[in-house]
Protein backbone atom coordinates (compact mmCIF):
# COMPACT_ATOMS: atom_id res chain seq x y z
CA UNK A 1 -9.67 -1.23 -24.98
CA UNK A 2 -6.44 0.59 -24.15
CA UNK A 3 -3.88 -1.58 -22.40
CA UNK A 4 -1.63 0.24 -19.95
CA UNK A 5 2.12 0.25 -20.47
CA UNK A 6 5.09 1.06 -18.25
CA UNK A 7 5.46 4.83 -17.88
CA UNK A 8 8.09 5.20 -15.13
CA UNK A 9 10.30 3.04 -12.93
CA UNK A 10 10.98 3.98 -9.29
CA UNK A 11 13.71 1.87 -7.71
CA UNK A 12 13.21 1.38 -3.98
CA UNK A 13 15.94 2.62 -1.66
CA UNK A 14 17.00 1.28 1.75
CA UNK A 15 15.99 3.45 4.69
CA UNK A 16 14.67 3.11 8.24
CA UNK A 17 11.69 4.38 10.18
CA UNK A 18 10.11 4.10 13.59
CA UNK A 19 12.75 3.13 16.15
CA UNK A 20 15.12 1.90 13.46
CA UNK A 21 13.11 -0.64 11.47
CA UNK A 22 14.94 -1.38 8.22
CA UNK A 23 12.82 -1.12 5.09
CA UNK A 24 12.81 -0.16 1.42
CA UNK A 25 10.87 2.86 0.12
CA UNK A 26 9.77 3.33 -3.50
CA UNK A 27 6.74 5.61 -3.95
CA UNK A 28 7.25 8.69 -1.76
CA UNK A 29 11.02 8.57 -1.28
CA UNK A 30 10.85 12.17 -2.53
CA UNK A 31 7.93 14.57 -3.04
CA UNK A 32 8.44 14.29 -6.80
CA UNK A 33 8.01 10.50 -6.59
CA UNK A 34 4.50 10.43 -5.16
CA UNK A 35 1.69 9.14 -7.37
CA UNK A 36 -1.55 10.95 -6.53
CA UNK A 37 -3.24 9.85 -4.28
CA UNK A 38 -0.46 7.45 -3.19
CA UNK A 39 1.95 9.15 -0.83
CA UNK A 40 4.32 6.31 0.08
CA UNK A 41 4.97 2.58 -0.21
CA UNK A 42 7.38 0.87 2.19
CA UNK A 43 8.40 -2.78 2.09
CA UNK A 44 9.87 -4.40 5.18
CA UNK A 45 11.38 -7.87 4.99
CA UNK A 46 13.92 -9.47 7.30
CA UNK A 47 14.53 -12.66 9.25
CA UNK A 48 16.97 -10.78 11.48
CA UNK A 49 15.08 -9.56 14.54
CA UNK A 50 17.53 -6.67 14.99
CA UNK A 51 16.10 -5.16 11.79
CA UNK A 52 12.56 -4.89 13.17
CA UNK A 53 12.37 -5.65 16.89
CA UNK A 54 12.31 -1.96 18.01
CA UNK A 55 9.13 -1.46 15.98
CA UNK A 56 7.20 1.76 15.59
CA UNK A 57 6.54 3.29 19.05
CA UNK A 58 3.89 5.98 19.60
CA UNK A 59 3.74 8.42 16.69
CA UNK A 60 1.03 10.73 15.30
CA UNK A 61 -0.77 10.94 11.94
CA UNK A 62 -3.24 13.38 10.42
CA UNK A 63 -4.81 13.78 7.00
CA UNK A 64 -4.42 10.43 5.23
CA UNK A 65 -4.90 6.66 5.42
CA UNK A 66 -2.34 3.97 6.20
CA UNK A 67 -2.65 0.41 4.97
CA UNK A 68 -0.47 -2.28 6.53
CA UNK A 69 -0.41 -5.64 4.77
CA UNK A 70 1.45 -8.48 6.47
CA UNK A 71 2.90 -11.36 4.52
CA UNK A 72 4.75 -12.90 7.47
CA UNK A 73 4.94 -12.00 11.14
CA UNK A 74 2.87 -10.57 13.96
CA UNK A 75 2.52 -6.94 15.05
CA UNK A 76 0.23 -5.28 17.57
CA UNK A 77 -1.51 -1.96 16.85
CA UNK A 78 -2.48 0.22 19.80
CA UNK A 79 -3.57 3.86 19.87
CA UNK A 80 -4.53 6.75 22.15
CA UNK A 81 -8.22 6.02 21.56
CA UNK A 82 -7.85 2.71 23.39
CA UNK A 83 -7.98 0.50 20.32
CA UNK A 84 -5.86 -2.60 19.90
CA UNK A 85 -5.56 -4.97 16.97
CA UNK A 86 -3.35 -7.84 15.93
CA UNK A 87 -1.74 -7.89 12.50
CA UNK A 88 -0.80 -11.45 11.56
CA UNK A 89 0.52 -13.26 8.50
CA UNK A 90 -1.85 -12.74 5.57
CA UNK A 91 -3.88 -10.02 7.29
CA UNK A 92 -4.14 -6.27 6.86
CA UNK A 93 -5.10 -3.11 8.69
CA UNK A 94 -6.79 -0.15 7.01
CA UNK A 95 -6.46 2.92 9.21
CA UNK A 96 -7.97 6.34 8.52
CA UNK A 97 -5.95 8.84 10.52
CA UNK A 98 -8.39 11.64 9.72
CA UNK A 99 -8.13 14.54 12.18
CA UNK A 100 -5.62 12.67 14.28
CA UNK A 101 -4.41 9.50 15.85
CA UNK A 102 -1.37 8.57 17.94
CA UNK A 103 -0.55 4.90 17.59
CA UNK A 104 2.17 2.29 17.87
CA UNK A 105 2.92 -0.79 15.80
CA UNK A 106 5.10 -3.20 17.77
CA UNK A 107 6.40 -6.66 16.85
CA UNK A 108 4.95 -9.55 18.82
CA UNK A 109 7.79 -11.91 17.94
CA UNK A 110 11.43 -12.10 18.94
CA UNK A 111 12.64 -14.15 16.00
CA UNK A 112 11.56 -15.29 12.54
CA UNK A 113 10.69 -13.37 9.40
CA UNK A 114 8.79 -10.09 9.49
CA UNK A 115 7.62 -9.19 6.00
CA UNK A 116 5.00 -6.85 4.63
CA UNK A 117 4.12 -3.41 3.35
CA UNK A 118 2.81 -0.07 4.50
CA UNK A 119 1.00 2.13 2.02
CA UNK A 120 -0.06 5.74 2.60
CA UNK A 121 -3.09 7.02 0.67
CA UNK A 122 -4.05 10.69 0.75
CA UNK A 123 -7.49 11.85 1.87
CA UNK A 124 -9.44 14.57 0.03
CA UNK A 125 -9.56 17.98 1.72
CA UNK A 126 -13.14 17.50 2.90
CA UNK A 127 -12.22 14.24 4.71
CA UNK A 128 -8.91 15.17 6.32
CA UNK A 129 -10.54 16.21 9.60
CA UNK A 130 -13.02 13.37 9.97
CA UNK A 131 -12.82 11.08 12.96
CA UNK A 132 -10.02 8.53 13.07
CA UNK A 133 -10.95 4.90 12.51
CA UNK A 134 -9.36 1.61 11.66
CA UNK A 135 -10.30 -1.87 10.54
CA UNK A 136 -8.29 -5.01 11.14
CA UNK A 137 -8.81 -7.49 8.31
CA UNK A 138 -8.14 -11.10 9.24
CA UNK A 139 -6.48 -13.34 6.62
CA UNK A 140 -9.65 -15.38 6.13
CA UNK A 141 -11.61 -12.19 5.40
CA UNK A 142 -9.50 -11.27 2.38
CA UNK A 143 -11.12 -12.76 -0.74
CA UNK A 144 -8.77 -15.04 -2.65
CA UNK A 145 -9.14 -17.07 -5.80
CA UNK A 146 -7.01 -19.31 -7.98
CA UNK A 147 -6.40 -18.50 -11.63
CA UNK A 148 -6.72 -21.11 -14.36
CA UNK A 149 -2.98 -20.81 -15.03
CA UNK A 150 -2.09 -21.81 -11.46
CA UNK A 151 -1.75 -18.26 -10.15
CA UNK A 152 -3.50 -16.76 -7.14
CA UNK A 153 -5.09 -13.36 -6.46
CA UNK A 154 -5.90 -11.81 -3.07
CA UNK A 155 -8.15 -8.70 -3.10
CA UNK A 156 -7.58 -6.38 -0.16
CA UNK A 157 -9.54 -3.46 -1.63
CA UNK A 158 -11.64 -2.72 -4.69
CA UNK A 159 -12.64 -5.41 -7.15
CA UNK A 160 -11.03 -7.33 -9.98
CA UNK A 161 -12.21 -9.33 -12.94
CA UNK A 162 -10.21 -12.35 -14.09
CA UNK A 163 -11.02 -15.73 -15.62
CA UNK A 164 -14.60 -14.52 -16.09
CA UNK A 165 -15.12 -13.75 -12.40
CA UNK A 166 -15.68 -10.38 -10.75
CA UNK A 167 -14.49 -10.51 -7.12
CA UNK A 168 -14.91 -7.73 -4.54
CA UNK A 169 -12.26 -7.09 -1.90
CA UNK A 170 -12.52 -6.60 1.83
CA UNK A 171 -12.47 -2.77 1.62
CA UNK A 172 -15.10 -0.93 -0.42
CA UNK A 173 -16.73 2.49 -0.71
CA UNK A 174 -13.77 4.85 -0.15
CA UNK A 175 -13.61 8.18 -1.96
CA UNK A 176 -10.35 7.36 -3.74
CA UNK A 177 -11.82 4.04 -4.98
CA UNK A 178 -8.61 2.10 -4.24
CA UNK A 179 -7.68 -1.22 -5.77
CA UNK A 180 -5.17 -3.32 -3.80
CA UNK A 181 -4.29 -6.75 -5.17
CA UNK A 182 -1.64 -9.28 -4.19
CA UNK A 183 -0.98 -11.56 -7.18
CA UNK A 184 1.21 -14.66 -7.54
CA UNK A 185 1.96 -16.07 -10.98
CA UNK A 186 3.83 -19.19 -12.04
CA UNK A 187 6.52 -18.97 -14.71
CA UNK A 188 5.33 -18.32 -18.25
CA UNK A 189 1.90 -17.02 -17.33
CA UNK A 190 -0.03 -13.75 -17.17
CA UNK A 191 -2.76 -11.87 -15.33
CA UNK A 192 -5.10 -9.35 -16.98
CA UNK A 193 -7.80 -7.18 -15.43
CA UNK A 194 -9.71 -3.98 -16.21
CA UNK A 195 -8.61 -0.75 -14.50
CA UNK A 196 -10.58 2.51 -14.33
CA UNK A 197 -9.27 4.83 -17.04
CA UNK A 198 -8.66 7.82 -14.78
CA UNK A 199 -7.00 5.97 -11.90
CA UNK A 200 -3.32 6.27 -11.07
CA UNK A 201 -1.78 2.81 -10.96
CA UNK A 202 1.46 1.01 -10.32
CA UNK A 203 2.87 -2.49 -9.97
CA UNK A 204 5.34 -3.52 -7.26
CA UNK A 205 6.98 -6.97 -7.68
CA UNK A 206 8.30 -8.29 -4.38
CA UNK A 207 9.40 -11.70 -5.65
CA UNK A 208 10.79 -12.16 -9.14
CA UNK A 209 10.23 -9.79 -12.05
CA UNK A 210 7.24 -9.11 -14.26
CA UNK A 211 6.57 -7.99 -17.81
CA UNK A 212 4.14 -5.12 -18.38
CA UNK A 213 1.98 -4.31 -21.37
CA UNK A 214 1.06 -5.85 -24.71
CA UNK A 215 3.58 -7.88 -26.71
CA UNK A 216 4.57 -4.94 -28.91
CA UNK A 217 5.42 -2.70 -25.92
CA UNK A 218 6.44 -5.17 -23.22
CA UNK A 219 8.87 -3.95 -20.54
CA UNK A 220 10.35 -5.56 -17.44
CA UNK A 221 9.86 -4.41 -13.84
CA UNK A 222 12.35 -5.93 -11.40
CA UNK A 223 11.69 -6.93 -7.81
CA UNK A 224 11.53 -4.13 -5.22
CA UNK A 225 10.75 -1.61 -7.94
CA UNK A 226 7.56 0.38 -8.49
CA UNK A 227 6.42 0.38 -12.10
CA UNK A 228 4.12 3.37 -12.72
CA UNK A 229 1.57 2.65 -15.42
CA UNK A 230 0.38 4.81 -18.29
CA UNK A 231 -3.32 5.74 -18.68
CA UNK A 232 -5.60 3.01 -19.95
CA UNK A 233 -8.58 0.82 -19.08
CA UNK A 234 -6.82 -2.53 -18.64
CA UNK A 235 -3.51 -4.08 -17.64
CA UNK A 236 -1.71 -7.29 -18.57
CA UNK A 237 1.15 -8.48 -16.36
CA UNK A 238 3.21 -11.54 -17.23
CA UNK A 239 6.14 -13.68 -16.15
CA UNK A 240 8.90 -15.28 -18.20
CA UNK A 241 11.10 -18.13 -16.97
CA UNK A 242 10.57 -17.57 -13.23
CA UNK A 243 7.45 -17.16 -11.04
CA UNK A 244 6.69 -13.79 -9.48
CA UNK A 245 4.59 -12.14 -6.78
CA UNK A 246 3.50 -8.52 -6.98
CA UNK A 247 1.16 -5.85 -5.71
CA UNK A 248 -1.14 -4.08 -8.15
CA UNK A 249 -2.38 -0.74 -6.80
CA UNK A 250 -4.69 1.83 -8.32
CA UNK A 251 -6.80 4.75 -7.03
CA UNK A 252 -8.58 7.88 -8.16
CA UNK A 253 -6.25 10.92 -8.06
CA UNK A 254 -7.38 13.86 -5.92
CA UNK A 255 -5.63 16.64 -7.85
CA UNK A 256 -5.31 18.74 -4.70
CA UNK A 257 -2.28 20.49 -3.15
CA UNK A 258 -0.17 18.29 -0.89
CA UNK A 259 1.77 19.79 2.00
CA UNK A 260 3.54 17.17 4.11
CA UNK A 261 5.49 17.48 7.31
CA UNK A 262 6.52 14.01 8.42
CA UNK A 263 3.38 12.21 9.63
CA UNK A 264 1.04 15.10 8.79
CA UNK A 265 -0.36 15.50 5.26
CA UNK A 266 -2.61 18.48 4.62
CA UNK A 267 -3.39 20.98 1.84
CA UNK A 268 -1.80 24.16 3.20
CA UNK A 269 1.14 25.21 5.38
CA UNK A 270 -1.31 26.75 7.87
CA UNK A 271 -3.04 23.38 8.28
CA UNK A 272 0.33 21.72 8.94
CA UNK A 273 1.14 24.33 11.59
CA UNK A 274 -2.24 23.66 13.19
CA UNK A 275 -1.55 19.90 13.18
CA UNK A 276 1.79 20.44 14.94
CA UNK A 277 0.15 22.76 17.48
CA UNK A 278 -2.64 20.26 18.14
CA UNK A 279 -0.18 17.41 18.62
CA UNK A 280 2.05 19.39 20.96
CA UNK A 281 -0.94 20.47 23.04
CA UNK A 282 -2.71 17.13 23.28
CA UNK A 283 -5.46 18.11 20.86
CA UNK A 284 -4.84 15.53 18.15
CA UNK A 285 -8.20 13.82 18.67
């Protein structure tokens, strides 16, 4: 068994998106800070409605998947295909933009905390032009189990093995084989699970800090920081004097060219130009 260690630290930076929603971006803040197949991770968290109330009005996507995971708050998804879905506290949405979708994500609250994440995952070249689709995952449909040490694990995608149990998440069967876990640990505890050897992986603490790796190579990852992991077939994540909550994300790298222009992610410049043309001419369907 080869336990993964901390390979790189990517500090999140404050930015805004949509109609001015304030957020923090770690993975994807620059092209050199992607982690194949992960294109971007944004965290949004504010109790000030002015930071989120304008939301994300109609905007296009092509060529990748977006995953929105809500910790607190309520947003409404709507798109040009006539779909609507509510994103509420503890729920998630897995959207495959594929050949094209124009959608909006708008807050359904005027006060209170809005907190969550949006993750972008690349699609392989042979799937970039498939039909758009999405799945709203209700909080009760996300498998969750308690650890013997008092911790808790929620499995949005993939599967995990801990405390002798192998639990499958709500999303399965995707070509990048993603793992998406939300883990809470009390102080002075740890969480260990196998990870596929060839998968890219990172940890993102959003409350407290965590310690990565075996005792002889343990390093700290602070809150709102992405900790990129070295190759290996397992991971051990611990806490010291304070509890912590973190995302653990892993997926199979595509090892394909990435050409991105805002909300379009393709393999060549010509494909990007076609995406822009299709959007401008109402053909993004």
